[in-house]
Amino acid sequence: MTALQHPDAIRHFQSLCDACQELAHRHHGPSELRLYADGYLHALRRTAMLDPLTQRRLEDLMERWIQDPSSFVGADGDPRVLYEQGRSY
């Protein structure tokens, strides 16, 4: 089971997902997203804020999330929908 149950791990996952979606919106590719996530996860690992098992689950989940193309596509197939919903122009 790789589901996150620790509240701090969930918050870190959400923060990473939001940051990666913003980077994707600015035309960064999967390899750059992975570098960003790796740096974030490394810093989190160094602070030892999460127990090792929770940290590993977070890392596994992020790896799968970044590799899944549907993580960056809106409901209608347009990735821009993810970023423009909350904006009012």
N, C-alpha and C. Protein backbone atom coordinates (compact mmCIF):
# COMPACT_ATOMS: atom_id res chain seq x y z
N MET A 1 0.84 -1.18 0.00
CA MET A 1 0.00 0.00 0.00
C MET A 1 0.89 1.24 0.00
N THR A 2 0.64 2.16 -0.91
CA THR A 2 1.45 3.38 -0.98
C THR A 2 0.64 4.63 -0.71
N ALA A 3 -0.56 4.47 -0.20
CA ALA A 3 -1.40 5.64 0.09
C ALA A 3 -0.78 6.44 1.24
N LEU A 4 -0.87 7.75 1.11
CA LEU A 4 -0.35 8.61 2.16
C LEU A 4 -1.41 8.79 3.23
N GLN A 5 -1.02 8.61 4.48
CA GLN A 5 -1.95 8.80 5.57
C GLN A 5 -1.46 9.86 6.54
N HIS A 6 -0.19 10.15 6.51
CA HIS A 6 0.40 11.14 7.41
C HIS A 6 0.02 12.54 6.91
N PRO A 7 -0.59 13.38 7.76
CA PRO A 7 -1.03 14.71 7.30
C PRO A 7 0.09 15.57 6.70
N ASP A 8 1.28 15.51 7.28
CA ASP A 8 2.39 16.30 6.72
C ASP A 8 2.80 15.78 5.36
N ALA A 9 2.79 14.46 5.17
CA ALA A 9 3.14 13.89 3.88
C ALA A 9 2.13 14.31 2.82
N ILE A 10 0.86 14.34 3.20
CA ILE A 10 -0.19 14.76 2.26
C ILE A 10 0.03 16.21 1.86
N ARG A 11 0.35 17.06 2.84
CA ARG A 11 0.60 18.48 2.53
C ARG A 11 1.81 18.64 1.61
N HIS A 12 2.86 17.87 1.85
CA HIS A 12 4.03 17.94 0.98
C HIS A 12 3.70 17.45 -0.42
N PHE A 13 2.92 16.40 -0.52
CA PHE A 13 2.50 15.89 -1.83
C PHE A 13 1.71 16.96 -2.59
N GLN A 14 0.76 17.59 -1.91
CA GLN A 14 -0.04 18.63 -2.56
C GLN A 14 0.83 19.80 -2.99
N SER A 15 1.77 20.19 -2.16
CA SER A 15 2.66 21.29 -2.50
C SER A 15 3.52 20.96 -3.71
N LEU A 16 4.05 19.75 -3.73
CA LEU A 16 4.85 19.31 -4.88
C LEU A 16 4.02 19.25 -6.16
N CYS A 17 2.82 18.72 -6.06
CA CYS A 17 1.94 18.64 -7.24
C CYS A 17 1.62 20.02 -7.78
N ASP A 18 1.29 20.95 -6.89
CA ASP A 18 1.00 22.32 -7.32
C ASP A 18 2.19 22.95 -8.00
N ALA A 19 3.38 22.78 -7.42
CA ALA A 19 4.59 23.36 -8.00
C ALA A 19 4.91 22.74 -9.36
N CYS A 20 4.75 21.42 -9.46
CA CYS A 20 5.03 20.75 -10.74
C CYS A 20 4.04 21.16 -11.81
N GLN A 21 2.77 21.34 -11.44
CA GLN A 21 1.79 21.79 -12.42
C GLN A 21 2.12 23.20 -12.90
N GLU A 22 2.56 24.05 -12.00
CA GLU A 22 2.94 25.40 -12.40
C GLU A 22 4.16 25.37 -13.31
N LEU A 23 5.13 24.52 -13.00
CA LEU A 23 6.31 24.38 -13.87
C LEU A 23 5.91 23.83 -15.24
N ALA A 24 5.00 22.86 -15.27
CA ALA A 24 4.54 22.31 -16.55
C ALA A 24 3.84 23.39 -17.36
N HIS A 25 3.09 24.23 -16.68
CA HIS A 25 2.40 25.33 -17.35
C HIS A 25 3.40 26.29 -17.99
N ARG A 26 4.57 26.40 -17.39
CA ARG A 26 5.63 27.27 -17.94
C ARG A 26 6.55 26.49 -18.88
N HIS A 27 6.04 25.37 -19.41
CA HIS A 27 6.69 24.59 -20.46
C HIS A 27 7.94 23.85 -20.00
N HIS A 28 8.00 23.43 -18.76
CA HIS A 28 9.09 22.57 -18.30
C HIS A 28 8.67 21.12 -18.54
N GLY A 29 9.61 20.31 -18.97
CA GLY A 29 9.32 18.92 -19.29
C GLY A 29 9.40 18.00 -18.08
N PRO A 30 9.04 16.73 -18.29
CA PRO A 30 9.05 15.76 -17.19
C PRO A 30 10.41 15.61 -16.51
N SER A 31 11.49 15.68 -17.27
CA SER A 31 12.81 15.54 -16.64
C SER A 31 13.10 16.71 -15.69
N GLU A 32 12.66 17.90 -16.06
CA GLU A 32 12.85 19.06 -15.19
C GLU A 32 11.95 18.98 -13.97
N LEU A 33 10.75 18.47 -14.15
CA LEU A 33 9.85 18.28 -13.01
C LEU A 33 10.43 17.27 -12.04
N ARG A 34 11.02 16.23 -12.59
CA ARG A 34 11.63 15.20 -11.74
C ARG A 34 12.81 15.78 -10.96
N LEU A 35 13.60 16.63 -11.61
CA LEU A 35 14.71 17.28 -10.90
C LEU A 35 14.21 18.15 -9.76
N TYR A 36 13.16 18.91 -10.01
CA TYR A 36 12.58 19.76 -8.98
C TYR A 36 12.08 18.91 -7.81
N ALA A 37 11.32 17.86 -8.14
CA ALA A 37 10.75 16.99 -7.10
C ALA A 37 11.86 16.28 -6.34
N ASP A 38 12.90 15.83 -7.04
CA ASP A 38 14.01 15.17 -6.36
C ASP A 38 14.69 16.11 -5.36
N GLY A 39 14.88 17.35 -5.75
CA GLY A 39 15.48 18.33 -4.84
C GLY A 39 14.61 18.57 -3.63
N TYR A 40 13.32 18.71 -3.85
CA TYR A 40 12.36 18.92 -2.75
C TYR A 40 12.39 17.73 -1.80
N LEU A 41 12.32 16.53 -2.37
CA LEU A 41 12.29 15.31 -1.56
C LEU A 41 13.61 15.11 -0.81
N HIS A 42 14.71 15.46 -1.45
CA HIS A 42 16.01 15.35 -0.80
C HIS A 42 16.08 16.28 0.42
N ALA A 43 15.62 17.51 0.24
CA ALA A 43 15.62 18.46 1.36
C ALA A 43 14.70 17.96 2.48
N LEU A 44 13.57 17.40 2.11
CA LEU A 44 12.65 16.87 3.11
C LEU A 44 13.29 15.69 3.85
N ARG A 45 14.00 14.84 3.10
CA ARG A 45 14.68 13.70 3.71
C ARG A 45 15.74 14.16 4.70
N ARG A 46 16.48 15.22 4.33
CA ARG A 46 17.55 15.74 5.19
C ARG A 46 17.01 16.34 6.48
N THR A 47 15.81 16.89 6.45
CA THR A 47 15.23 17.46 7.66
C THR A 47 14.63 16.40 8.57
N ALA A 48 14.42 15.20 8.04
CA ALA A 48 13.86 14.07 8.80
C ALA A 48 12.51 14.42 9.43
N MET A 49 11.71 15.18 8.70
CA MET A 49 10.38 15.55 9.19
C MET A 49 9.41 14.36 9.13
N LEU A 50 9.66 13.45 8.21
CA LEU A 50 8.80 12.28 8.06
C LEU A 50 9.58 11.03 8.43
N ASP A 51 8.87 10.04 8.94
CA ASP A 51 9.55 8.78 9.22
C ASP A 51 9.97 8.15 7.89
N PRO A 52 10.97 7.27 7.90
CA PRO A 52 11.49 6.72 6.64
C PRO A 52 10.45 6.03 5.76
N LEU A 53 9.51 5.31 6.36
CA LEU A 53 8.49 4.63 5.55
C LEU A 53 7.56 5.63 4.87
N THR A 54 7.14 6.65 5.59
CA THR A 54 6.29 7.68 5.01
C THR A 54 7.03 8.44 3.92
N GLN A 55 8.31 8.73 4.15
CA GLN A 55 9.14 9.42 3.16
C GLN A 55 9.21 8.59 1.88
N ARG A 56 9.43 7.29 2.03
CA ARG A 56 9.55 6.41 0.86
C ARG A 56 8.22 6.35 0.10
N ARG A 57 7.11 6.30 0.82
CA ARG A 57 5.80 6.29 0.16
C ARG A 57 5.58 7.58 -0.63
N LEU A 58 5.96 8.69 -0.04
CA LEU A 58 5.83 9.98 -0.72
C LEU A 58 6.68 10.00 -1.99
N GLU A 59 7.91 9.51 -1.89
CA GLU A 59 8.79 9.48 -3.06
C GLU A 59 8.24 8.59 -4.16
N ASP A 60 7.73 7.42 -3.79
CA ASP A 60 7.14 6.51 -4.79
C ASP A 60 5.92 7.13 -5.45
N LEU A 61 5.07 7.75 -4.65
CA LEU A 61 3.87 8.36 -5.19
C LEU A 61 4.20 9.52 -6.13
N MET A 62 5.18 10.33 -5.77
CA MET A 62 5.58 11.45 -6.64
C MET A 62 6.15 10.93 -7.96
N GLU A 63 6.93 9.89 -7.89
CA GLU A 63 7.51 9.31 -9.12
C GLU A 63 6.40 8.86 -10.07
N ARG A 64 5.41 8.17 -9.54
CA ARG A 64 4.29 7.71 -10.37
C ARG A 64 3.47 8.89 -10.88
N TRP A 65 3.27 9.89 -10.04
CA TRP A 65 2.47 11.05 -10.42
C TRP A 65 3.13 11.83 -11.57
N ILE A 66 4.43 12.02 -11.49
CA ILE A 66 5.14 12.75 -12.54
C ILE A 66 5.11 11.97 -13.86
N GLN A 67 5.19 10.66 -13.80
CA GLN A 67 5.20 9.85 -15.01
C GLN A 67 3.82 9.72 -15.65
N ASP A 68 2.77 10.01 -14.91
CA ASP A 68 1.41 9.87 -15.41
C ASP A 68 1.00 11.12 -16.18
N PRO A 69 0.85 11.04 -17.51
CA PRO A 69 0.50 12.21 -18.30
C PRO A 69 -0.83 12.85 -17.90
N SER A 70 -1.73 12.06 -17.33
CA SER A 70 -3.03 12.61 -16.95
C SER A 70 -2.92 13.57 -15.76
N SER A 71 -1.78 13.61 -15.11
CA SER A 71 -1.58 14.55 -14.00
C SER A 71 -1.53 15.99 -14.49
N PHE A 72 -1.30 16.19 -15.77
CA PHE A 72 -1.11 17.52 -16.31
C PHE A 72 -2.13 17.89 -17.37
N VAL A 73 -3.25 17.18 -17.43
CA VAL A 73 -4.27 17.44 -18.44
C VAL A 73 -5.59 17.73 -17.75
N GLY A 74 -6.26 18.78 -18.22
CA GLY A 74 -7.57 19.12 -17.67
C GLY A 74 -8.63 18.13 -18.11
N ALA A 75 -9.83 18.30 -17.60
CA ALA A 75 -10.92 17.36 -17.88
C ALA A 75 -11.26 17.28 -19.37
N ASP A 76 -11.08 18.38 -20.10
CA ASP A 76 -11.39 18.38 -21.53
C ASP A 76 -10.17 18.08 -22.40
N GLY A 77 -9.05 17.68 -21.78
CA GLY A 77 -7.84 17.36 -22.52
C GLY A 77 -6.91 18.53 -22.71
N ASP A 78 -7.27 19.69 -22.22
CA ASP A 78 -6.46 20.89 -22.37
C ASP A 78 -5.73 21.18 -21.05
N PRO A 79 -4.39 21.12 -21.04
CA PRO A 79 -3.65 21.35 -19.79
C PRO A 79 -3.83 22.77 -19.26
N ARG A 80 -4.19 23.72 -20.10
CA ARG A 80 -4.35 25.10 -19.63
C ARG A 80 -5.53 25.24 -18.68
N VAL A 81 -6.50 24.35 -18.78
CA VAL A 81 -7.68 24.41 -17.92
C VAL A 81 -7.28 24.32 -16.45
N LEU A 82 -6.25 23.54 -16.17
CA LEU A 82 -5.81 23.37 -14.78
C LEU A 82 -5.38 24.68 -14.16
N TYR A 83 -4.87 25.59 -14.94
CA TYR A 83 -4.26 26.80 -14.41
C TYR A 83 -5.17 28.01 -14.53
N GLU A 84 -6.14 27.97 -15.39
CA GLU A 84 -6.96 29.16 -15.63
C GLU A 84 -8.27 29.14 -14.86
N GLN A 85 -8.60 28.04 -14.17
CA GLN A 85 -9.86 27.95 -13.46
C GLN A 85 -9.96 28.98 -12.35
N GLY A 86 -8.91 29.16 -11.60
CA GLY A 86 -8.96 30.07 -10.46
C GLY A 86 -8.62 31.51 -10.80
N ARG A 87 -8.22 31.76 -12.01
CA ARG A 87 -7.80 33.12 -12.41
C ARG A 87 -8.95 33.89 -13.01
N SER A 88 -9.02 35.15 -12.72
CA SER A 88 -10.02 36.00 -13.36
C SER A 88 -9.29 37.11 -14.11
N TYR A 89 -9.47 37.10 -15.41
CA TYR A 89 -8.81 38.09 -16.26
C TYR A 89 -9.81 39.14 -16.70
